Amino acid sequence: MLLELHVKNLALIEQVDLEFFAGLTVLSGETGAGKSILIDSINLALGAKVGKDVVRAGADFAYIELLFCINDRLKLDAIRKMDIEVGEDGLITMSRKISKQKNVLRINGEVIAAAKGRKLMSLLIDIHSQHESYGLLEVSKQLQLIDLFAEDRIKEVKEDIKEEYQNYKAIEEKLSETLEENLRKREIEFLKYEIEEIEDAQLKEGEEQELVQRYSKIKNASRIADAMSKISSYIEEDGISPSLKLISSVVQYDEELSDIESQLFDAESIIADLRHSIYNYIDELDFNEEEFDTINSRLDTIRSLQGKYSEDLKEINKIYEGKKERLEFLENYEELISEYKEQQRSSVAKLNELCDKLSGLRKESAGVLKESIIRELHDLNFLGVDFDIEFKKLSDFTPQGRDSVELMISTNPGNPKKPLREIASGGELSRIMLAIKTVLADLDEVDTLIFDEIDTGISGRTAQKVSEKLMLIGRGHQVICITHLPQIAAMADHNYLIEKHTDGHSTKTEISYVKEKRLVEEIARLIGGSEITEAVLQTAKEMKDLADKLKG
């Protein structure tokens, strides 16, 4: 979830540091105080396009930083597959520095492209506002929505499709190669030559190293013999015998000299053995020109193959097997192509069967999901809503089957349904997303949900329903909501008040955490506007007490 937001020199914000928590967090304040700037700052940190004049007047740059903590192992694996380093603590820092000259986006201190940032954030956060929407508005995500809802029913058939699709693509790749007869014959001859070349070499593991050592010994035989002769002479000149004669002449006078005498005897024996070994080595050492030429030729063969194929014998063997397989394919080209076409027909038939089965299961689940979403929409004052989940069949197979899904909706009776992404009203869109998120509250894997303008055009009972649904989603997710509604502010687990201040020379937005008395006063302001009476304060307190009771 999102832990912290740091903003500096962005629009009206001089500097803000916010800590976020689990549950429902509400940001409220007067119109124009700068609430939407916070959503804009998060969007910018996620890689959104930079608009004009985002840097605060008089500042050289704007800076935004987000800190997330990820605890889900599968999500961490998905992030690491994007070549993003995440420590054992699961912390991810995303920052953006914006100036007139450049703007730089970073994840954990590493500069990245904006597209990569948006891809990462699609795993971590959903933002629903009039200007920016992530997650479910993307058509590709809407199929995932159905699969998320139907996961227990479709998991097995999806795995079967994925496996068969890989087989299908492998067959397609083999069939994609068409060869002219003369080119095929030429390649066959060349492959035969290379296969014979590798077979004739009869390469062995460790052979090159042994040959190099033997080559070096033969090549330097004269130098080695000269060195060994000199060593033998040095040993002869400084032998142990004179020392033994001397110790033997005095050992009778002191018994302690016996140990030294014994050690000298041992040394003489060792030197005698050493001298014998040196003589034998010199006798056996010779320069065999024929063997030298043979080794040299063999090394040339080995190194020629290494230069042509690989220095690693295992890799050469792998290449060899690949060439044999390719040769078999070319020599039996017509028969194999016919066999592959038969395999393709079989795979297509199997994929069609599996995809039809998956599509049927999806449509059954989509019907249940549709009715659940409509009920939630009715609760949110979409009384004449016409909502549907539209399926289309793709022209070709994918690892997810052949379905394309789009959420369709009409919020006004008599108007035709349109794709969800074409809904113009930010408030409507946010409430539709809220309905969907409510149905999927226990299934949705995105931790952090942000709603802006969710209260546009609603009040009374609908406002209360919206607050209750936000509270329920907040039980399993982190929910951040900008609102003007007292019902939502009262239902929050955490509240921030956003205020705009001016000293006559400059204007800045400030944010403070409010609770208890200050929170009641803010709820009262949302109820009563500029004039806050004791009656309004009492109403605000009652609203907060009722919300706490409902949460409890």
Protein backbone atom coordinates (compact mmCIF):
# COMPACT_ATOMS: atom_id res chain seq x y z
CA MET A 1 0.00 0.00 0.00
CA LEU A 2 0.95 3.67 -0.23
CA LEU A 3 2.84 4.72 2.91
CA GLU A 4 4.00 8.27 2.24
CA LEU A 5 3.64 11.17 -0.19
CA HIS A 6 6.16 13.99 -0.33
CA VAL A 7 5.45 17.01 -2.56
CA LYS A 8 7.62 20.10 -2.98
CA ASN A 9 7.09 23.21 -5.13
CA LEU A 10 4.13 21.85 -7.09
CA ALA A 11 1.51 24.48 -8.07
CA LEU A 12 0.21 25.93 -4.77
CA ILE A 13 2.07 23.40 -2.62
CA GLU A 14 5.31 24.67 -1.10
CA GLN A 15 6.01 21.45 0.79
CA VAL A 16 3.73 18.67 2.02
CA ASP A 17 4.54 15.38 3.72
CA LEU A 18 1.62 12.99 4.15
CA GLU A 19 1.53 9.61 5.86
CA PHE A 20 -1.12 7.19 4.65
CA PHE A 21 -2.67 4.27 6.50
CA ALA A 22 -4.80 1.18 5.92
CA GLY A 23 -8.55 1.68 5.69
CA LEU A 24 -10.43 4.75 4.44
CA THR A 25 -8.59 8.08 4.36
CA VAL A 26 -10.55 11.22 3.41
CA LEU A 27 -9.15 14.54 2.21
CA SER A 28 -11.53 17.48 2.49
CA GLY A 29 -11.35 21.26 2.28
CA GLU A 30 -12.76 24.33 0.60
CA THR A 31 -13.15 24.40 -3.18
CA GLY A 32 -9.90 25.62 -4.71
CA ALA A 33 -7.84 24.75 -1.64
CA GLY A 34 -5.72 22.33 -3.65
CA LYS A 35 -7.25 18.90 -3.07
CA SER A 36 -6.93 17.84 -6.70
CA ILE A 37 -3.29 18.95 -6.74
CA LEU A 38 -2.54 15.96 -4.52
CA ILE A 39 -4.12 13.58 -7.04
CA ASP A 40 -2.21 15.36 -9.80
CA SER A 41 1.03 14.91 -7.84
CA ILE A 42 0.44 11.16 -7.53
CA ASN A 43 -0.35 10.95 -11.24
CA LEU A 44 2.86 12.82 -12.08
CA ALA A 45 4.90 10.46 -9.92
CA LEU A 46 3.30 7.57 -11.80
CA GLY A 47 4.48 8.93 -15.15
CA ALA A 48 1.61 11.16 -16.33
CA LYS A 49 2.31 13.93 -18.83
CA VAL A 50 3.58 17.16 -17.33
CA GLY A 51 1.33 20.18 -17.94
CA LYS A 52 2.32 23.81 -18.11
CA ASP A 53 3.18 25.82 -15.00
CA VAL A 54 3.22 22.85 -12.59
CA VAL A 55 6.33 24.20 -10.87
CA ARG A 56 5.50 26.64 -8.08
CA ALA A 57 6.16 30.29 -8.95
CA GLY A 58 9.68 31.31 -7.92
CA ALA A 59 10.95 27.71 -7.59
CA ASP A 60 13.48 26.02 -9.88
CA PHE A 61 11.87 22.60 -9.82
CA ALA A 62 9.01 20.52 -8.44
CA TYR A 63 9.59 17.18 -6.71
CA ILE A 64 7.18 14.35 -5.86
CA GLU A 65 7.99 11.12 -4.07
CA LEU A 66 5.79 8.11 -3.27
CA LEU A 67 6.71 5.29 -0.89
CA PHE A 68 4.94 1.94 -1.25
CA CYS A 69 5.20 -1.24 0.79
CA ILE A 70 4.43 -4.53 -1.02
CA ASN A 71 3.78 -7.65 1.05
CA ASP A 72 2.27 -9.94 -1.59
CA ARG A 73 4.87 -12.46 -2.84
CA LEU A 74 3.28 -12.96 -6.28
CA LYS A 75 3.11 -9.21 -6.83
CA LEU A 76 6.75 -8.85 -5.80
CA ASP A 77 7.68 -11.58 -8.31
CA ALA A 78 5.78 -9.73 -11.06
CA ILE A 79 7.58 -6.49 -10.19
CA ARG A 80 11.00 -8.15 -10.21
CA LYS A 81 10.22 -9.60 -13.65
CA MET A 82 10.01 -5.98 -14.81
CA ASP A 83 13.71 -5.63 -13.85
CA ILE A 84 12.82 -3.52 -10.81
CA GLU A 85 14.86 -4.28 -7.72
CA VAL A 86 12.82 -4.70 -4.54
CA GLY A 87 14.44 -5.42 -1.19
CA GLU A 88 13.29 -7.98 1.36
CA ASP A 89 11.34 -5.21 3.11
CA GLY A 90 9.13 -4.82 0.01
CA LEU A 91 9.62 -1.04 -0.13
CA ILE A 92 9.41 0.82 -3.45
CA THR A 93 10.18 4.52 -3.81
CA MET A 94 8.93 6.31 -6.89
CA SER A 95 9.96 9.91 -7.51
CA ARG A 96 9.82 12.59 -10.17
CA LYS A 97 11.76 15.83 -10.46
CA ILE A 98 10.33 18.41 -12.84
CA SER A 99 12.08 21.52 -14.12
CA LYS A 100 11.97 23.65 -17.26
CA GLN A 101 15.00 21.83 -18.65
CA LYS A 102 13.95 18.24 -17.95
CA ASN A 103 11.91 15.93 -15.78
CA VAL A 104 13.27 12.67 -14.41
CA LEU A 105 11.29 9.66 -13.18
CA ARG A 106 12.96 7.17 -10.83
CA ILE A 107 12.09 3.89 -9.13
CA ASN A 108 14.29 3.08 -6.14
CA GLY A 109 16.77 5.67 -7.40
CA GLU A 110 17.03 4.21 -10.92
CA VAL A 111 15.95 6.38 -13.85
CA ILE A 112 13.13 4.77 -15.87
CA ALA A 113 10.81 5.55 -18.76
CA ALA A 114 7.32 6.85 -17.96
CA ALA A 115 5.74 3.81 -19.63
CA LYS A 116 7.51 1.48 -17.20
CA GLY A 117 6.31 3.58 -14.28
CA ARG A 118 2.71 3.37 -15.47
CA LYS A 119 3.02 -0.38 -15.92
CA LEU A 120 4.32 -0.78 -12.38
CA MET A 121 1.64 1.41 -10.89
CA SER A 122 -1.14 -0.58 -12.61
CA LEU A 123 -0.17 -3.35 -10.17
CA LEU A 124 -0.22 -1.07 -7.13
CA ILE A 125 -2.85 1.62 -7.47
CA ASP A 126 -6.19 2.47 -9.11
CA ILE A 127 -7.02 6.15 -9.57
CA HIS A 128 -10.54 7.20 -10.54
CA SER A 129 -11.12 10.85 -11.32
CA GLN A 130 -12.36 13.02 -14.15
CA HIS A 131 -8.90 13.38 -15.67
CA GLU A 132 -7.09 10.14 -14.92
CA SER A 133 -8.22 6.53 -14.64
CA TYR A 134 -6.16 3.40 -14.22
CA GLY A 135 -7.08 -0.25 -13.96
CA LEU A 136 -10.56 -1.21 -15.02
CA LEU A 137 -11.00 1.46 -17.70
CA GLU A 138 -8.40 -0.32 -19.83
CA VAL A 139 -10.19 -2.85 -22.05
CA SER A 140 -7.42 -5.40 -21.47
CA LYS A 141 -8.12 -5.19 -17.73
CA GLN A 142 -11.86 -5.80 -18.14
CA LEU A 143 -11.31 -9.40 -19.22
CA GLN A 144 -9.16 -9.82 -16.11
CA LEU A 145 -12.12 -8.52 -14.09
CA ILE A 146 -14.33 -11.36 -15.40
CA ASP A 147 -11.55 -13.92 -14.81
CA LEU A 148 -10.99 -12.60 -11.30
CA PHE A 149 -14.69 -13.06 -10.51
CA ALA A 150 -14.78 -16.53 -12.10
CA GLU A 151 -11.32 -17.68 -11.02
CA ASP A 152 -12.34 -20.87 -9.22
CA ARG A 153 -14.44 -22.05 -12.18
CA ILE A 154 -12.06 -21.24 -15.02
CA LYS A 155 -8.58 -21.76 -13.54
CA GLU A 156 -8.13 -25.30 -14.88
CA VAL A 157 -9.37 -24.62 -18.42
CA LYS A 158 -7.23 -21.43 -18.63
CA GLU A 159 -4.14 -23.47 -17.76
CA ASP A 160 -5.08 -26.03 -20.44
CA ILE A 161 -5.46 -23.24 -23.02
CA LYS A 162 -2.12 -21.70 -22.10
CA GLU A 163 -0.37 -25.05 -22.49
CA GLU A 164 -2.08 -25.87 -25.80
CA TYR A 165 -1.48 -22.36 -27.11
CA GLN A 166 2.28 -22.82 -26.63
CA ASN A 167 2.05 -26.08 -28.61
CA TYR A 168 0.00 -24.30 -31.31
CA LYS A 169 2.54 -21.49 -31.68
CA ALA A 170 5.43 -23.99 -31.86
CA ILE A 171 3.68 -25.81 -34.73
CA GLU A 172 2.93 -22.48 -36.45
CA GLU A 173 6.59 -21.56 -36.27
CA LYS A 174 7.59 -24.82 -37.92
CA LEU A 175 5.00 -24.36 -40.66
CA SER A 176 5.99 -20.75 -41.28
CA GLU A 177 9.16 -21.87 -43.03
CA THR A 178 8.79 -22.56 -46.73
CA LEU A 179 11.92 -23.54 -48.64
CA GLU A 180 12.80 -23.62 -52.31
CA GLU A 181 14.15 -26.99 -53.45
CA ASN A 182 17.62 -25.74 -54.49
CA LEU A 183 18.08 -23.83 -51.21
CA ARG A 184 16.96 -26.86 -49.23
CA LYS A 185 19.51 -29.10 -51.01
CA ARG A 186 22.26 -26.58 -50.46
CA GLU A 187 21.50 -26.35 -46.75
CA ILE A 188 21.38 -30.15 -46.47
CA GLU A 189 24.88 -30.45 -47.92
CA PHE A 190 26.22 -27.76 -45.61
CA LEU A 191 24.61 -29.34 -42.55
CA LYS A 192 26.06 -32.74 -43.46
CA TYR A 193 29.51 -31.19 -43.72
CA GLU A 194 29.21 -29.49 -40.28
CA ILE A 195 27.78 -32.58 -38.60
CA GLU A 196 30.59 -34.73 -40.06
CA GLU A 197 33.13 -32.10 -38.98
CA ILE A 198 31.94 -32.26 -35.36
CA GLU A 199 31.66 -36.07 -35.38
CA ASP A 200 35.14 -36.55 -36.84
CA ALA A 201 36.64 -34.28 -34.18
CA GLN A 202 35.45 -36.64 -31.41
CA LEU A 203 35.83 -33.92 -28.81
CA LYS A 204 36.29 -35.01 -25.20
CA GLU A 205 35.76 -33.13 -21.96
CA GLY A 206 39.07 -31.81 -20.57
CA GLU A 207 41.07 -32.93 -23.62
CA GLU A 208 42.20 -29.43 -24.58
CA GLN A 209 43.64 -28.75 -21.12
CA GLU A 210 45.58 -32.04 -21.12
CA LEU A 211 46.95 -31.37 -24.60
CA VAL A 212 48.01 -27.84 -23.67
CA GLN A 213 49.95 -29.17 -20.69
CA ARG A 214 51.64 -31.91 -22.80
CA TYR A 215 52.38 -29.41 -25.59
CA SER A 216 54.02 -27.04 -23.12
CA LYS A 217 56.17 -29.85 -21.65
CA ILE A 218 57.45 -31.09 -25.01
CA LYS A 219 58.06 -27.60 -26.36
CA ASN A 220 60.11 -26.67 -23.28
CA ALA A 221 61.85 -30.04 -22.77
CA SER A 222 65.38 -28.58 -23.22
CA ARG A 223 64.76 -25.77 -20.73
CA ILE A 224 63.25 -28.21 -18.20
CA ALA A 225 66.21 -30.65 -18.55
CA ASP A 226 68.73 -27.85 -18.00
CA ALA A 227 66.91 -26.69 -14.87
CA MET A 228 66.67 -30.20 -13.44
CA SER A 229 70.42 -30.82 -14.04
CA LYS A 230 71.33 -27.65 -12.16
CA ILE A 231 69.03 -28.62 -9.29
CA SER A 232 70.76 -32.02 -9.12
CA SER A 233 74.18 -30.32 -8.99
CA TYR A 234 73.07 -27.98 -6.21
CA ILE A 235 71.89 -30.95 -4.18
CA GLU A 236 75.18 -32.80 -4.75
CA GLU A 237 77.26 -29.78 -3.70
CA ASP A 238 75.38 -29.18 -0.47
CA GLY A 239 74.65 -32.75 0.54
CA ILE A 240 74.00 -34.04 4.04
CA SER A 241 76.92 -36.55 4.26
CA PRO A 242 79.52 -34.10 5.75
CA SER A 243 77.02 -33.09 8.41
CA LEU A 244 76.30 -36.74 9.25
CA LYS A 245 80.03 -37.51 9.71
CA LEU A 246 80.43 -34.59 12.09
CA ILE A 247 77.37 -35.41 14.20
CA SER A 248 78.44 -39.06 14.41
CA SER A 249 81.83 -38.02 15.82
CA VAL A 250 80.29 -36.14 18.78
CA VAL A 251 76.99 -37.93 19.48
CA GLN A 252 78.72 -40.23 22.00
CA TYR A 253 79.33 -37.23 24.25
CA ASP A 254 75.70 -36.13 24.57
CA GLU A 255 72.58 -38.31 24.21
CA GLU A 256 70.45 -35.30 23.20
CA LEU A 257 72.44 -35.18 19.92
CA SER A 258 70.82 -38.49 18.93
CA ASP A 259 67.63 -36.72 17.80
CA ILE A 260 69.60 -34.38 15.55
CA GLU A 261 71.56 -37.32 14.15
CA SER A 262 68.29 -39.15 13.42
CA GLN A 263 66.85 -36.12 11.62
CA LEU A 264 70.02 -35.82 9.52
CA PHE A 265 69.71 -39.51 8.55
CA ASP A 266 66.08 -38.85 7.47
CA ALA A 267 67.13 -35.80 5.49
CA GLU A 268 69.83 -37.76 3.71
CA SER A 269 67.28 -40.45 2.80
CA ILE A 270 64.84 -37.83 1.45
CA ILE A 271 67.56 -36.14 -0.61
CA ALA A 272 68.65 -39.50 -2.00
CA ASP A 273 65.05 -40.21 -3.09
CA LEU A 274 64.81 -36.72 -4.58
CA ARG A 275 68.06 -37.17 -6.49
CA HIS A 276 66.76 -40.51 -7.82
CA SER A 277 63.47 -38.89 -8.97
CA ILE A 278 65.35 -36.09 -10.75
CA TYR A 279 67.59 -38.61 -12.60
CA ASN A 280 64.57 -40.65 -13.68
CA TYR A 281 62.71 -37.51 -14.88
CA ILE A 282 65.74 -36.37 -16.92
CA ASP A 283 66.14 -39.87 -18.44
CA GLU A 284 62.49 -39.93 -19.56
CA LEU A 285 62.46 -36.33 -20.79
CA ASP A 286 62.90 -35.99 -24.54
CA PHE A 287 61.61 -33.94 -27.45
CA ASN A 288 59.40 -36.11 -29.65
CA GLU A 289 58.84 -34.10 -32.82
CA GLU A 290 56.17 -36.45 -34.15
CA GLU A 291 54.13 -36.28 -30.93
CA PHE A 292 54.62 -32.50 -30.82
CA ASP A 293 53.21 -32.14 -34.37
CA THR A 294 50.28 -34.45 -33.54
CA ILE A 295 49.35 -32.43 -30.43
CA ASN A 296 49.72 -29.17 -32.33
CA SER A 297 47.44 -30.44 -35.10
CA ARG A 298 44.87 -31.70 -32.59
CA LEU A 299 44.81 -28.35 -30.77
CA ASP A 300 44.29 -26.57 -34.10
CA THR A 301 41.27 -28.81 -34.78
CA ILE A 302 39.77 -28.20 -31.35
CA ARG A 303 40.30 -24.44 -31.47
CA SER A 304 38.95 -24.22 -34.99
CA LEU A 305 35.69 -25.83 -33.83
CA GLN A 306 35.62 -23.64 -30.75
CA GLY A 307 35.99 -20.53 -32.87
CA LYS A 308 33.28 -21.72 -35.24
CA TYR A 309 30.72 -22.99 -32.72
CA SER A 310 31.51 -22.43 -29.03
CA GLU A 311 34.33 -22.78 -26.49
CA ASP A 312 32.03 -24.91 -24.32
CA LEU A 313 31.87 -28.60 -25.28
CA LYS A 314 28.32 -28.96 -23.95
CA GLU A 315 27.23 -26.06 -26.14
CA ILE A 316 28.93 -27.65 -29.17
CA ASN A 317 27.05 -30.87 -28.47
CA LYS A 318 23.82 -28.91 -28.22
CA ILE A 319 24.54 -27.21 -31.56
CA TYR A 320 25.38 -30.62 -33.04
CA GLU A 321 22.02 -32.07 -31.93
CA GLY A 322 20.24 -29.01 -33.32
CA LYS A 323 21.92 -29.46 -36.70
CA LYS A 324 20.98 -33.14 -36.78
CA GLU A 325 17.38 -32.23 -36.01
CA ARG A 326 17.42 -29.57 -38.73
CA LEU A 327 18.93 -32.03 -41.21
CA GLU A 328 16.23 -34.58 -40.43
CA PHE A 329 13.59 -31.89 -41.00
CA LEU A 330 15.06 -30.89 -44.37
CA GLU A 331 15.58 -34.46 -45.58
CA ASN A 332 11.99 -35.36 -44.64
CA TYR A 333 10.57 -31.95 -45.44
CA GLU A 334 7.41 -32.94 -47.30
CA GLU A 335 6.47 -35.69 -44.85
CA LEU A 336 7.13 -33.47 -41.81
CA ILE A 337 5.18 -30.52 -43.25
CA SER A 338 2.24 -32.83 -43.80
CA GLU A 339 2.62 -34.12 -40.24
CA TYR A 340 2.82 -30.59 -38.83
CA LYS A 341 -0.33 -29.58 -40.71
CA GLU A 342 -2.14 -32.51 -39.18
CA GLN A 343 -0.82 -31.49 -35.74
CA GLN A 344 -1.98 -27.95 -36.43
CA ARG A 345 -5.51 -29.11 -37.31
CA SER A 346 -5.61 -31.14 -34.12
CA SER A 347 -4.31 -28.22 -32.01
CA VAL A 348 -6.81 -25.78 -33.57
CA ALA A 349 -9.66 -28.18 -32.86
CA LYS A 350 -8.52 -28.61 -29.27
CA LEU A 351 -8.06 -24.85 -28.77
CA ASN A 352 -11.49 -24.13 -30.24
CA GLU A 353 -13.05 -26.62 -27.86
CA LEU A 354 -11.19 -25.23 -24.85
CA CYS A 355 -11.85 -21.58 -25.82
CA ASP A 356 -15.56 -22.26 -26.31
CA LYS A 357 -15.68 -23.92 -22.92
CA LEU A 358 -13.85 -20.98 -21.31
CA SER A 359 -16.08 -18.46 -23.06
CA GLY A 360 -19.19 -20.25 -21.82
CA LEU A 361 -17.93 -20.24 -18.23
CA ARG A 362 -16.98 -16.58 -18.51
CA LYS A 363 -20.40 -15.60 -19.83
CA GLU A 364 -22.14 -17.49 -17.04
CA SER A 365 -20.02 -15.71 -14.44
CA ALA A 366 -20.39 -12.39 -16.28
CA GLY A 367 -24.18 -12.73 -15.95
CA VAL A 368 -23.90 -13.08 -12.18
CA LEU A 369 -21.34 -10.26 -12.01
CA LYS A 370 -23.56 -8.01 -14.13
CA GLU A 371 -26.55 -8.42 -11.80
CA SER A 372 -24.38 -7.77 -8.75
CA ILE A 373 -22.96 -4.58 -10.28
CA ILE A 374 -26.44 -3.36 -11.29
CA ARG A 375 -27.64 -3.80 -7.69
CA GLU A 376 -24.69 -1.76 -6.45
CA LEU A 377 -25.37 0.92 -9.09
CA HIS A 378 -28.99 1.16 -7.97
CA ASP A 379 -27.75 1.66 -4.41
CA LEU A 380 -25.60 4.51 -5.71
CA ASN A 381 -28.63 6.30 -7.26
CA PHE A 382 -28.20 5.03 -10.84
CA LEU A 383 -31.89 4.13 -10.89
CA GLY A 384 -32.37 3.90 -14.67
CA VAL A 385 -28.98 2.38 -15.40
CA ASP A 386 -28.53 -0.02 -18.30
CA PHE A 387 -25.35 -2.03 -17.75
CA ASP A 388 -23.99 -4.97 -19.71
CA ILE A 389 -20.82 -6.98 -20.27
CA GLU A 390 -20.25 -7.34 -23.99
CA PHE A 391 -18.30 -10.29 -25.41
CA LYS A 392 -16.59 -10.38 -28.81
CA LYS A 393 -14.71 -13.25 -30.41
CA LEU A 394 -11.15 -12.47 -31.43
CA SER A 395 -9.89 -13.42 -34.88
CA ASP A 396 -7.12 -15.60 -33.46
CA PHE A 397 -6.18 -17.47 -30.32
CA THR A 398 -4.37 -15.91 -27.37
CA PRO A 399 -2.98 -17.51 -24.20
CA GLN A 400 -6.20 -16.24 -22.51
CA GLY A 401 -8.59 -17.71 -25.10
CA ARG A 402 -10.49 -15.87 -27.83
CA ASP A 403 -12.64 -13.49 -25.79
CA SER A 404 -12.58 -9.71 -25.81
CA VAL A 405 -14.70 -8.06 -23.14
CA GLU A 406 -15.95 -4.51 -22.76
CA LEU A 407 -18.12 -3.02 -20.01
CA MET A 408 -21.05 -1.11 -21.53
CA ILE A 409 -23.31 1.35 -19.72
CA SER A 410 -26.05 3.93 -20.14
CA THR A 411 -26.81 6.03 -17.07
CA ASN A 412 -29.83 7.72 -18.65
CA PRO A 413 -32.93 5.73 -19.74
CA GLY A 414 -33.39 5.76 -23.50
CA ASN A 415 -29.76 6.47 -24.31
CA PRO A 416 -27.72 3.71 -25.99
CA LYS A 417 -25.08 1.90 -23.98
CA LYS A 418 -21.52 3.10 -24.49
CA PRO A 419 -18.16 1.70 -23.43
CA LEU A 420 -17.34 2.52 -19.82
CA ARG A 421 -14.22 4.41 -20.91
CA GLU A 422 -16.42 6.92 -22.78
CA ILE A 423 -18.34 8.03 -19.68
CA ALA A 424 -17.77 11.80 -19.55
CA SER A 425 -18.73 12.65 -15.97
CA GLY A 426 -15.90 12.20 -13.48
CA GLY A 427 -18.37 11.79 -10.62
CA GLU A 428 -20.40 9.16 -12.46
CA LEU A 429 -17.30 7.28 -13.48
CA SER A 430 -15.96 7.23 -9.92
CA ARG A 431 -19.28 5.88 -8.56
CA ILE A 432 -19.42 3.21 -11.27
CA MET A 433 -15.90 2.17 -10.33
CA LEU A 434 -16.99 2.14 -6.68
CA ALA A 435 -19.85 -0.23 -7.52
CA ILE A 436 -17.51 -2.57 -9.38
CA LYS A 437 -14.90 -2.42 -6.63
CA THR A 438 -17.57 -3.19 -4.02
CA VAL A 439 -18.57 -6.38 -5.83
CA LEU A 440 -14.91 -7.39 -6.23
CA ALA A 441 -13.75 -6.14 -2.82
CA ASP A 442 -12.56 -9.57 -1.66
CA LEU A 443 -10.96 -10.48 -5.00
CA ASP A 444 -9.24 -7.32 -6.28
CA GLU A 445 -5.46 -7.54 -5.89
CA VAL A 446 -4.74 -3.81 -6.25
CA ASP A 447 -4.01 -2.52 -2.75
CA THR A 448 -4.61 1.22 -3.11
CA LEU A 449 -7.75 2.83 -4.57
CA ILE A 450 -8.10 6.59 -5.02
CA PHE A 451 -11.47 8.26 -5.72
CA ASP A 452 -11.83 11.89 -6.74
CA GLU A 453 -15.12 13.68 -7.51
CA ILE A 454 -17.04 10.61 -6.31
CA ASP A 455 -19.58 12.93 -4.62
CA THR A 456 -20.50 14.98 -7.70
CA GLY A 457 -24.27 15.43 -7.92
CA ILE A 458 -25.26 13.25 -4.95
CA SER A 459 -26.51 13.86 -1.43
CA GLY A 460 -28.70 12.36 1.26
CA ARG A 461 -29.29 8.60 1.10
CA THR A 462 -26.97 8.12 -1.91
CA ALA A 463 -24.17 9.94 -0.11
CA GLN A 464 -24.66 7.66 2.88
CA LYS A 465 -24.54 4.58 0.64
CA VAL A 466 -21.36 5.81 -1.00
CA SER A 467 -19.75 6.30 2.40
CA GLU A 468 -20.75 2.80 3.52
CA LYS A 469 -19.34 1.19 0.38
CA LEU A 470 -16.08 3.10 0.72
CA MET A 471 -15.89 1.92 4.32
CA LEU A 472 -16.50 -1.71 3.33
CA ILE A 473 -13.85 -1.62 0.59
CA GLY A 474 -11.50 -0.03 3.12
CA ARG A 475 -11.71 -3.21 5.22
CA GLY A 476 -9.58 -5.05 2.65
CA HIS A 477 -7.90 -2.21 0.74
CA GLN A 478 -6.35 1.16 1.27
CA VAL A 479 -8.90 3.74 0.06
CA ILE A 480 -8.10 7.43 -0.39
CA CYS A 481 -11.01 9.73 -1.22
CA ILE A 482 -11.34 13.46 -1.89
CA THR A 483 -14.81 14.61 -0.90
CA HIS A 484 -17.17 17.49 -0.11
CA LEU A 485 -19.67 15.17 1.60
CA PRO A 486 -19.95 15.11 5.42
CA GLN A 487 -21.22 11.50 5.31
CA ILE A 488 -17.97 10.31 3.71
CA ALA A 489 -15.77 12.46 5.96
CA ALA A 490 -17.56 11.04 9.03
CA MET A 491 -17.06 7.45 7.84
CA ALA A 492 -13.29 7.82 7.37
CA ASP A 493 -10.68 6.07 9.50
CA HIS A 494 -8.28 8.99 8.90
CA ASN A 495 -8.98 12.59 7.88
CA TYR A 496 -6.79 15.30 6.33
CA LEU A 497 -7.91 18.92 6.03
CA ILE A 498 -6.60 20.87 3.04
CA GLU A 499 -6.48 24.66 3.39
CA LYS A 500 -5.23 27.52 1.26
CA HIS A 501 -3.44 30.44 2.95
CA THR A 502 -2.14 33.74 1.61
CA ASP A 503 -0.03 36.52 3.12
CA GLY A 504 -0.88 38.97 0.35
CA HIS A 505 2.31 38.15 -1.56
CA SER A 506 2.05 34.42 -2.12
CA THR A 507 -0.50 31.63 -1.75
CA LYS A 508 0.16 28.11 -0.56
CA THR A 509 -1.73 24.95 0.26
CA GLU A 510 -1.29 23.34 3.66
CA ILE A 511 -2.53 19.97 4.91
CA SER A 512 -3.13 18.85 8.47
CA TYR A 513 -4.34 15.63 10.10
CA VAL A 514 -7.60 16.26 11.96
CA LYS A 515 -9.43 14.23 14.58
CA GLU A 516 -11.84 14.60 17.47
CA LYS A 517 -12.93 18.27 17.90
CA ARG A 518 -11.27 19.57 14.71
CA LEU A 519 -12.77 16.69 12.72
CA VAL A 520 -16.27 17.47 14.05
CA GLU A 521 -15.73 21.11 13.07
CA GLU A 522 -14.73 20.07 9.53
CA ILE A 523 -17.78 17.79 9.22
CA ALA A 524 -19.89 20.72 10.43
CA ARG A 525 -18.34 22.96 7.76
CA LEU A 526 -19.22 20.38 5.10
CA ILE A 527 -22.81 20.33 6.43
CA GLY A 528 -23.39 24.00 7.04
CA GLY A 529 -21.00 25.88 4.79
CA SER A 530 -19.64 29.18 6.05
CA GLU A 531 -21.96 29.55 9.06
CA ILE A 532 -21.43 26.89 11.69
CA THR A 533 -23.95 27.02 14.53
CA GLU A 534 -24.15 24.91 17.66
CA ALA A 535 -26.95 22.94 16.02
CA VAL A 536 -24.74 22.16 13.03
CA LEU A 537 -21.89 21.12 15.34
CA GLN A 538 -24.27 18.83 17.22
CA THR A 539 -25.45 17.33 13.94
CA ALA A 540 -21.83 16.78 12.90
CA LYS A 541 -21.04 15.05 16.18
CA GLU A 542 -24.08 12.81 15.83
CA MET A 543 -23.09 11.97 12.25
CA LYS A 544 -19.60 11.00 13.39
CA ASP A 545 -20.97 8.92 16.29
CA LEU A 546 -23.36 7.09 13.97
CA ALA A 547 -20.58 6.41 11.49
CA ASP A 548 -18.33 5.02 14.25
CA LYS A 549 -21.18 2.83 15.45
CA LEU A 550 -21.79 1.52 11.94
CA LYS A 551 -18.08 0.78 11.48
CA GLY A 552 -17.99 -1.01 14.81
